[in-house]
Amino acid sequence: MSETTTADPKAPGTHAPFWEDIVDIYLAPRSVFERRRDASYVPALITITLAVTVLMVPFQLSMGDVMAAAMREALANSGAEIPTAQLEQMARVSLFTAPLGALVVTPIAALLTGLVIWGTAALFGARMTFKAGVLIATFAAFPRVWTMITSTLQATLLSPTGPHQVSLGPARFMDAAGSPVLVAALGRLDILVLWSAALVAVGVATVAGAPRGRAWAVAAVVWVVSSLPAIAGPLFMSMNR
């Protein structure tokens, strides 16, 4: 009498429904990377791009005034002056341009981050394909969904005075006017940003079979590189005061 064996849909090499990846990347990320290590990154990239684009609308509606006020203060500190009416017009325009920007920037950011992961992993002796690097970068971007949701809720309910006050990290307790560069740096210690870095480490360890220490070293380098754009703006403005 023969026995029928049922394949585990979450085992490596099997084809679990894609919606399970969306859930498991938050709850069991290693299983996602195990079963998708040779798969295309396109479905995940389309999903995160559309999610960020859609969430950008309520995010801008709730955070628009806060970001405009922060820009006004930053410009005042740098000695530049822009009329309030012009800033308000820029905020209104951003309601339309920000979602379009997210639609373009999100996949580009995933590709560039994937390139950094691929190159850094090679430097640390963890061999993988560029496609695998982009796959890791794409799934590591999924905590951004919660970043936008929590920021929108906080902006709606708590009336923050600056974007840093919706951070889930030490930046929310800082005075942005005192040291914008420090606030930007501490903003990268947000729980959800660190969650993304942890997903990079899990992905490198799983897909490339790298030792845990090397995987975390790759994630640390990627975190530093991805932090540079956030710090560059405040640093440039502080140098030109």
C-alpha atoms as a PDB file:
ATOM      1  CA  MET A   1       0.000   0.000   0.000  1.00  0.00           C
ATOM      2  CA  SER A   2       1.566   3.286  -1.077  1.00  0.00           C
ATOM      3  CA  GLU A   3       1.587   6.425   0.996  1.00  0.00           C
ATOM      4  CA  THR A   4       0.860   9.852  -0.412  1.00  0.00           C
ATOM      5  CA  THR A   5       3.264  12.543   0.750  1.00  0.00           C
ATOM      6  CA  THR A   6       2.001  16.104   0.916  1.00  0.00           C
ATOM      7  CA  ALA A   7       4.641  18.723   0.251  1.00  0.00           C
ATOM      8  CA  ASP A   8       5.119  21.448   2.801  1.00  0.00           C
ATOM      9  CA  PRO A   9       4.185  24.702   1.028  1.00  0.00           C
ATOM     10  CA  LYS A  10       6.700  26.581   3.171  1.00  0.00           C
ATOM     11  CA  ALA A  11       9.633  24.297   2.449  1.00  0.00           C
ATOM     12  CA  PRO A  12      12.517  25.474   0.227  1.00  0.00           C
ATOM     13  CA  GLY A  13      11.873  24.953  -3.454  1.00  0.00           C
ATOM     14  CA  THR A  14       8.089  24.726  -3.158  1.00  0.00           C
ATOM     15  CA  HIS A  15       5.597  27.246  -4.494  1.00  0.00           C
ATOM     16  CA  ALA A  16       3.637  28.700  -1.603  1.00  0.00           C
ATOM     17  CA  PRO A  17       1.074  31.386  -2.446  1.00  0.00           C
ATOM     18  CA  PHE A  18       2.693  34.782  -2.708  1.00  0.00           C
ATOM     19  CA  TRP A  19       0.381  36.235  -0.053  1.00  0.00           C
ATOM     20  CA  GLU A  20       2.129  33.954   2.464  1.00  0.00           C
ATOM     21  CA  ASP A  21       5.392  35.726   1.690  1.00  0.00           C
ATOM     22  CA  ILE A  22       3.771  39.056   2.554  1.00  0.00           C
ATOM     23  CA  VAL A  23       2.766  37.702   5.959  1.00  0.00           C
ATOM     24  CA  ASP A  24       5.863  35.615   6.639  1.00  0.00           C
ATOM     25  CA  ILE A  25       8.360  38.375   5.841  1.00  0.00           C
ATOM     26  CA  TYR A  26       7.226  39.926   9.128  1.00  0.00           C
ATOM     27  CA  LEU A  27       6.741  36.730  11.125  1.00  0.00           C
ATOM     28  CA  ALA A  28       9.115  34.140   9.626  1.00  0.00           C
ATOM     29  CA  PRO A  29      11.487  35.899   7.211  1.00  0.00           C
ATOM     30  CA  ARG A  30      13.952  33.033   6.983  1.00  0.00           C
ATOM     31  CA  SER A  31      11.277  30.783   5.471  1.00  0.00           C
ATOM     32  CA  VAL A  32      10.547  33.429   2.823  1.00  0.00           C
ATOM     33  CA  PHE A  33      14.183  33.673   1.774  1.00  0.00           C
ATOM     34  CA  GLU A  34      14.553  29.889   1.811  1.00  0.00           C
ATOM     35  CA  ARG A  35      11.698  29.226  -0.566  1.00  0.00           C
ATOM     36  CA  ARG A  36      12.231  32.290  -2.779  1.00  0.00           C
ATOM     37  CA  ARG A  37      16.037  32.317  -3.010  1.00  0.00           C
ATOM     38  CA  ASP A  38      15.956  31.428  -6.728  1.00  0.00           C
ATOM     39  CA  ALA A  39      12.670  33.148  -7.528  1.00  0.00           C
ATOM     40  CA  SER A  40      12.058  36.453  -9.283  1.00  0.00           C
ATOM     41  CA  TYR A  41      11.988  39.604  -7.197  1.00  0.00           C
ATOM     42  CA  VAL A  42       9.451  41.238  -9.512  1.00  0.00           C
ATOM     43  CA  PRO A  43       6.217  40.231  -7.675  1.00  0.00           C
ATOM     44  CA  ALA A  44       7.558  41.491  -4.349  1.00  0.00           C
ATOM     45  CA  LEU A  45       8.902  44.665  -5.963  1.00  0.00           C
ATOM     46  CA  ILE A  46       5.555  45.439  -7.593  1.00  0.00           C
ATOM     47  CA  THR A  47       3.763  44.804  -4.287  1.00  0.00           C
ATOM     48  CA  ILE A  48       5.950  47.065  -2.149  1.00  0.00           C
ATOM     49  CA  THR A  49       5.961  49.779  -4.832  1.00  0.00           C
ATOM     50  CA  LEU A  50       2.169  49.859  -5.073  1.00  0.00           C
ATOM     51  CA  ALA A  51       1.779  49.701  -1.284  1.00  0.00           C
ATOM     52  CA  VAL A  52       4.120  52.646  -0.700  1.00  0.00           C
ATOM     53  CA  THR A  53       2.519  54.632  -3.528  1.00  0.00           C
ATOM     54  CA  VAL A  54      -0.999  54.162  -2.151  1.00  0.00           C
ATOM     55  CA  LEU A  55       0.041  54.872   1.451  1.00  0.00           C
ATOM     56  CA  MET A  56       1.830  58.026   0.333  1.00  0.00           C
ATOM     57  CA  VAL A  57      -1.521  59.767  -0.147  1.00  0.00           C
ATOM     58  CA  PRO A  58      -2.750  59.639   3.497  1.00  0.00           C
ATOM     59  CA  PHE A  59       0.857  60.150   4.625  1.00  0.00           C
ATOM     60  CA  GLN A  60       1.091  63.431   2.717  1.00  0.00           C
ATOM     61  CA  LEU A  61      -2.367  64.540   3.876  1.00  0.00           C
ATOM     62  CA  SER A  62      -1.426  64.034   7.508  1.00  0.00           C
ATOM     63  CA  MET A  63       2.248  65.038   7.384  1.00  0.00           C
ATOM     64  CA  GLY A  64       2.125  67.846   4.812  1.00  0.00           C
ATOM     65  CA  ASP A  65       1.807  70.723   7.279  1.00  0.00           C
ATOM     66  CA  VAL A  66       4.387  69.176   9.607  1.00  0.00           C
ATOM     67  CA  MET A  67       6.932  68.790   6.818  1.00  0.00           C
ATOM     68  CA  ALA A  68       6.256  72.304   5.527  1.00  0.00           C
ATOM     69  CA  ALA A  69       6.860  73.729   8.998  1.00  0.00           C
ATOM     70  CA  ALA A  70      10.097  71.758   9.295  1.00  0.00           C
ATOM     71  CA  MET A  71      11.240  73.037   5.898  1.00  0.00           C
ATOM     72  CA  ARG A  72      10.390  76.608   6.888  1.00  0.00           C
ATOM     73  CA  GLU A  73      12.469  76.272  10.054  1.00  0.00           C
ATOM     74  CA  ALA A  74      15.393  74.667   8.218  1.00  0.00           C
ATOM     75  CA  LEU A  75      15.412  77.432   5.622  1.00  0.00           C
ATOM     76  CA  ALA A  76      15.261  80.081   8.330  1.00  0.00           C
ATOM     77  CA  ASN A  77      18.239  78.516  10.090  1.00  0.00           C
ATOM     78  CA  SER A  78      20.213  78.487   6.845  1.00  0.00           C
ATOM     79  CA  GLY A  79      19.457  82.138   6.183  1.00  0.00           C
ATOM     80  CA  ALA A  80      17.250  81.494   3.154  1.00  0.00           C
ATOM     81  CA  GLU A  81      13.757  82.904   2.906  1.00  0.00           C
ATOM     82  CA  ILE A  82      10.753  81.485   1.046  1.00  0.00           C
ATOM     83  CA  PRO A  83       7.318  83.115   1.360  1.00  0.00           C
ATOM     84  CA  THR A  84       4.763  81.151   3.370  1.00  0.00           C
ATOM     85  CA  ALA A  85       2.376  81.143   0.403  1.00  0.00           C
ATOM     86  CA  GLN A  86       5.022  79.487  -1.734  1.00  0.00           C
ATOM     87  CA  LEU A  87       5.657  76.824   0.903  1.00  0.00           C
ATOM     88  CA  GLU A  88       1.917  76.131   1.122  1.00  0.00           C
ATOM     89  CA  GLN A  89       1.763  75.796  -2.650  1.00  0.00           C
ATOM     90  CA  MET A  90       4.698  73.374  -2.570  1.00  0.00           C
ATOM     91  CA  ALA A  91       2.859  71.320   0.076  1.00  0.00           C
ATOM     92  CA  ARG A  92      -0.258  71.151  -2.123  1.00  0.00           C
ATOM     93  CA  VAL A  93       1.755  70.119  -5.159  1.00  0.00           C
ATOM     94  CA  SER A  94       3.466  67.387  -3.151  1.00  0.00           C
ATOM     95  CA  LEU A  95       0.083  65.707  -2.641  1.00  0.00           C
ATOM     96  CA  PHE A  96       0.261  64.755  -6.306  1.00  0.00           C
ATOM     97  CA  THR A  97       3.991  64.490  -6.899  1.00  0.00           C
ATOM     98  CA  ALA A  98       4.885  62.433  -3.796  1.00  0.00           C
ATOM     99  CA  PRO A  99       2.878  59.329  -4.834  1.00  0.00           C
ATOM    100  CA  LEU A 100       4.301  59.561  -8.360  1.00  0.00           C
ATOM    101  CA  GLY A 101       7.750  59.927  -6.866  1.00  0.00           C
ATOM    102  CA  ALA A 102       7.214  56.839  -4.724  1.00  0.00           C
ATOM    103  CA  LEU A 103       6.139  54.917  -7.815  1.00  0.00           C
ATOM    104  CA  VAL A 104       9.479  55.701  -9.449  1.00  0.00           C
ATOM    105  CA  VAL A 105      11.867  55.912  -6.506  1.00  0.00           C
ATOM    106  CA  THR A 106      10.812  52.712  -4.698  1.00  0.00           C
ATOM    107  CA  PRO A 107      11.927  50.264  -7.421  1.00  0.00           C
ATOM    108  CA  ILE A 108      15.074  52.292  -8.135  1.00  0.00           C
ATOM    109  CA  ALA A 109      15.960  52.254  -4.433  1.00  0.00           C
ATOM    110  CA  ALA A 110      15.453  48.473  -4.328  1.00  0.00           C
ATOM    111  CA  LEU A 111      17.755  47.978  -7.318  1.00  0.00           C
ATOM    112  CA  LEU A 112      20.462  50.237  -5.873  1.00  0.00           C
ATOM    113  CA  THR A 113      20.199  48.640  -2.435  1.00  0.00           C
ATOM    114  CA  GLY A 114      20.363  45.230  -4.070  1.00  0.00           C
ATOM    115  CA  LEU A 115      23.558  46.325  -5.809  1.00  0.00           C
ATOM    116  CA  VAL A 116      25.054  47.397  -2.477  1.00  0.00           C
ATOM    117  CA  ILE A 117      24.028  44.095  -0.850  1.00  0.00           C
ATOM    118  CA  TRP A 118      25.485  42.076  -3.725  1.00  0.00           C
ATOM    119  CA  GLY A 119      28.775  44.002  -3.754  1.00  0.00           C
ATOM    120  CA  THR A 120      29.181  44.122   0.023  1.00  0.00           C
ATOM    121  CA  ALA A 121      28.365  40.438   0.393  1.00  0.00           C
ATOM    122  CA  ALA A 122      31.085  39.625  -2.163  1.00  0.00           C
ATOM    123  CA  LEU A 123      33.599  41.679  -0.154  1.00  0.00           C
ATOM    124  CA  PHE A 124      32.755  39.619   2.921  1.00  0.00           C
ATOM    125  CA  GLY A 125      33.040  36.340   1.012  1.00  0.00           C
ATOM    126  CA  ALA A 126      29.290  35.714   0.752  1.00  0.00           C
ATOM    127  CA  ARG A 127      28.619  34.891  -2.882  1.00  0.00           C
ATOM    128  CA  MET A 128      25.230  35.561  -4.410  1.00  0.00           C
ATOM    129  CA  THR A 129      23.769  36.821  -7.664  1.00  0.00           C
ATOM    130  CA  PHE A 130      22.724  40.418  -8.245  1.00  0.00           C
ATOM    131  CA  LYS A 131      19.153  39.148  -8.609  1.00  0.00           C
ATOM    132  CA  ALA A 132      19.360  37.618  -5.134  1.00  0.00           C
ATOM    133  CA  GLY A 133      20.662  40.915  -3.770  1.00  0.00           C
ATOM    134  CA  VAL A 134      17.658  42.765  -5.202  1.00  0.00           C
ATOM    135  CA  LEU A 135      15.338  40.071  -3.825  1.00  0.00           C
ATOM    136  CA  ILE A 136      16.758  40.632  -0.336  1.00  0.00           C
ATOM    137  CA  ALA A 137      16.567  44.411  -0.719  1.00  0.00           C
ATOM    138  CA  THR A 138      12.957  44.218  -1.876  1.00  0.00           C
ATOM    139  CA  PHE A 139      11.734  42.098   1.011  1.00  0.00           C
ATOM    140  CA  ALA A 140      13.819  44.173   3.449  1.00  0.00           C
ATOM    141  CA  ALA A 141      11.821  47.219   2.335  1.00  0.00           C
ATOM    142  CA  PHE A 142       8.506  45.821   3.588  1.00  0.00           C
ATOM    143  CA  PRO A 143       8.788  47.379   7.085  1.00  0.00           C
ATOM    144  CA  ARG A 144       8.453  50.723   5.287  1.00  0.00           C
ATOM    145  CA  VAL A 145       4.744  49.951   5.024  1.00  0.00           C
ATOM    146  CA  TRP A 146       4.509  50.113   8.802  1.00  0.00           C
ATOM    147  CA  THR A 147       6.680  53.224   8.876  1.00  0.00           C
ATOM    148  CA  MET A 148       4.140  55.046   6.738  1.00  0.00           C
ATOM    149  CA  ILE A 149       1.149  53.679   8.654  1.00  0.00           C
ATOM    150  CA  THR A 150       2.540  54.561  12.094  1.00  0.00           C
ATOM    151  CA  SER A 151       3.705  57.991  10.903  1.00  0.00           C
ATOM    152  CA  THR A 152       0.287  58.761   9.444  1.00  0.00           C
ATOM    153  CA  LEU A 153      -1.506  57.691  12.615  1.00  0.00           C
ATOM    154  CA  GLN A 154       0.831  59.681  14.861  1.00  0.00           C
ATOM    155  CA  ALA A 155       0.525  62.785  12.696  1.00  0.00           C
ATOM    156  CA  THR A 156      -3.256  62.505  12.826  1.00  0.00           C
ATOM    157  CA  LEU A 157      -3.602  61.794  16.525  1.00  0.00           C
ATOM    158  CA  LEU A 158      -0.639  63.485  18.209  1.00  0.00           C
ATOM    159  CA  SER A 159      -0.061  66.700  16.205  1.00  0.00           C
ATOM    160  CA  PRO A 160       3.748  66.516  16.046  1.00  0.00           C
ATOM    161  CA  THR A 161       5.736  69.699  15.428  1.00  0.00           C
ATOM    162  CA  GLY A 162       8.320  68.013  13.197  1.00  0.00           C
ATOM    163  CA  PRO A 163       8.796  64.834  11.141  1.00  0.00           C
ATOM    164  CA  HIS A 164      11.313  63.521  13.678  1.00  0.00           C
ATOM    165  CA  GLN A 165       8.567  63.338  16.317  1.00  0.00           C
ATOM    166  CA  VAL A 166       6.884  60.424  14.531  1.00  0.00           C
ATOM    167  CA  SER A 167      10.091  58.387  14.624  1.00  0.00           C
ATOM    168  CA  LEU A 168       9.970  55.158  16.611  1.00  0.00           C
ATOM    169  CA  GLY A 169      13.422  55.790  17.968  1.00  0.00           C
ATOM    170  CA  PRO A 170      15.535  58.300  19.917  1.00  0.00           C
ATOM    171  CA  ALA A 171      15.084  61.043  17.280  1.00  0.00           C
ATOM    172  CA  ARG A 172      11.541  61.725  18.497  1.00  0.00           C
ATOM    173  CA  PHE A 173      12.914  63.055  21.790  1.00  0.00           C
ATOM    174  CA  MET A 174      15.386  65.467  20.185  1.00  0.00           C
ATOM    175  CA  ASP A 175      15.128  69.160  19.353  1.00  0.00           C
ATOM    176  CA  ALA A 176      15.476  69.347  15.565  1.00  0.00           C
ATOM    177  CA  ALA A 177      16.483  73.026  15.726  1.00  0.00           C
ATOM    178  CA  GLY A 178      19.418  72.231  18.007  1.00  0.00           C
ATOM    179  CA  SER A 179      21.225  69.718  15.806  1.00  0.00           C
ATOM    180  CA  PRO A 180      19.469  68.677  12.582  1.00  0.00           C
ATOM    181  CA  VAL A 181      22.372  66.407  11.624  1.00  0.00           C
ATOM    182  CA  LEU A 182      22.194  64.525  14.928  1.00  0.00           C
ATOM    183  CA  VAL A 183      18.411  64.211  14.607  1.00  0.00           C
ATOM    184  CA  ALA A 184      18.800  62.808  11.082  1.00  0.00           C
ATOM    185  CA  ALA A 185      21.427  60.325  12.284  1.00  0.00           C
ATOM    186  CA  LEU A 186      19.309  59.221  15.246  1.00  0.00           C
ATOM    187  CA  GLY A 187      16.368  58.857  12.872  1.00  0.00           C
ATOM    188  CA  ARG A 188      18.221  55.915  11.343  1.00  0.00           C
ATOM    189  CA  LEU A 189      17.947  54.171  14.735  1.00  0.00           C
ATOM    190  CA  ASP A 190      14.196  53.921  14.249  1.00  0.00           C
ATOM    191  CA  ILE A 191      12.894  50.469  15.177  1.00  0.00           C
ATOM    192  CA  LEU A 192      11.446  49.914  11.715  1.00  0.00           C
ATOM    193  CA  VAL A 193      14.666  50.997   9.984  1.00  0.00           C
ATOM    194  CA  LEU A 194      16.619  48.547  12.135  1.00  0.00           C
ATOM    195  CA  TRP A 195      14.020  45.896  11.305  1.00  0.00           C
ATOM    196  CA  SER A 196      14.849  46.361   7.627  1.00  0.00           C
ATOM    197  CA  ALA A 197      18.555  45.986   8.414  1.00  0.00           C
ATOM    198  CA  ALA A 198      17.809  42.771  10.303  1.00  0.00           C
ATOM    199  CA  LEU A 199      15.937  41.429   7.268  1.00  0.00           C
ATOM    200  CA  VAL A 200      19.025  42.114   5.140  1.00  0.00           C
ATOM    201  CA  ALA A 201      21.117  40.063   7.579  1.00  0.00           C
ATOM    202  CA  VAL A 202      18.608  37.199   7.549  1.00  0.00           C
ATOM    203  CA  GLY A 203      18.457  37.307   3.759  1.00  0.00           C
ATOM    204  CA  VAL A 204      22.233  37.232   3.286  1.00  0.00           C
ATOM    205  CA  ALA A 205      22.633  34.423   5.815  1.00  0.00           C
ATOM    206  CA  THR A 206      19.870  32.374   4.184  1.00  0.00           C
ATOM    207  CA  VAL A 207      20.383  33.031   0.470  1.00  0.00           C
ATOM    208  CA  ALA A 208      24.183  33.160   0.445  1.00  0.00           C
ATOM    209  CA  GLY A 209      24.706  30.735   3.311  1.00  0.00           C
ATOM    210  CA  ALA A 210      26.925  33.312   5.033  1.00  0.00           C
ATOM    211  CA  PRO A 211      27.917  32.947   8.694  1.00  0.00           C
ATOM    212  CA  ARG A 212      25.805  35.069  10.990  1.00  0.00           C
ATOM    213  CA  GLY A 213      28.628  37.508  11.770  1.00  0.00           C
ATOM    214  CA  ARG A 214      29.320  38.216   8.105  1.00  0.00           C
ATOM    215  CA  ALA A 215      25.624  38.571   7.342  1.00  0.00           C
ATOM    216  CA  TRP A 216      25.247  41.198  10.063  1.00  0.00           C
ATOM    217  CA  ALA A 217      28.391  42.957   8.809  1.00  0.00           C
ATOM    218  CA  VAL A 218      26.806  43.213   5.350  1.00  0.00           C
ATOM    219  CA  ALA A 219      23.595  44.543   6.899  1.00  0.00           C
ATOM    220  CA  ALA A 220      25.578  47.140   8.882  1.00  0.00           C
ATOM    221  CA  VAL A 221      27.316  48.411   5.746  1.00  0.00           C
ATOM    222  CA  VAL A 222      24.008  48.592   3.886  1.00  0.00           C
ATOM    223  CA  TRP A 223      22.476  50.487   6.817  1.00  0.00           C
ATOM    224  CA  VAL A 224      25.333  53.022   6.795  1.00  0.00           C
ATOM    225  CA  VAL A 225      25.188  53.529   3.017  1.00  0.00           C
ATOM    226  CA  SER A 226      21.401  53.936   3.046  1.00  0.00           C
ATOM    227  CA  SER A 227      21.716  56.455   5.907  1.00  0.00           C
ATOM    228  CA  LEU A 228      23.942  58.816   3.926  1.00  0.00           C
ATOM    229  CA  PRO A 229      21.148  60.500   1.897  1.00  0.00           C
ATOM    230  CA  ALA A 230      19.138  61.218   5.064  1.00  0.00           C
ATOM    231  CA  ILE A 231      22.138  62.841   6.746  1.00  0.00           C
ATOM    232  CA  ALA A 232      23.546  64.621   3.683  1.00  0.00           C
ATOM    233  CA  GLY A 233      20.711  67.183   3.432  1.00  0.00           C
ATOM    234  CA  PRO A 234      20.901  68.526   7.027  1.00  0.00           C
ATOM    235  CA  LEU A 235      24.705  68.371   6.905  1.00  0.00           C
ATOM    236  CA  PHE A 236      24.839  70.423   3.718  1.00  0.00           C
ATOM    237  CA  MET A 237      22.437  73.031   5.108  1.00  0.00           C
ATOM    238  CA  SER A 238      24.379  73.299   8.381  1.00  0.00           C
ATOM    239  CA  MET A 239      27.633  73.816   6.478  1.00  0.00           C
ATOM    240  CA  ASN A 240      26.097  76.660   4.478  1.00  0.00           C
ATOM    241  CA  ARG A 241      24.714  78.681   7.361  1.00  0.00           C
END
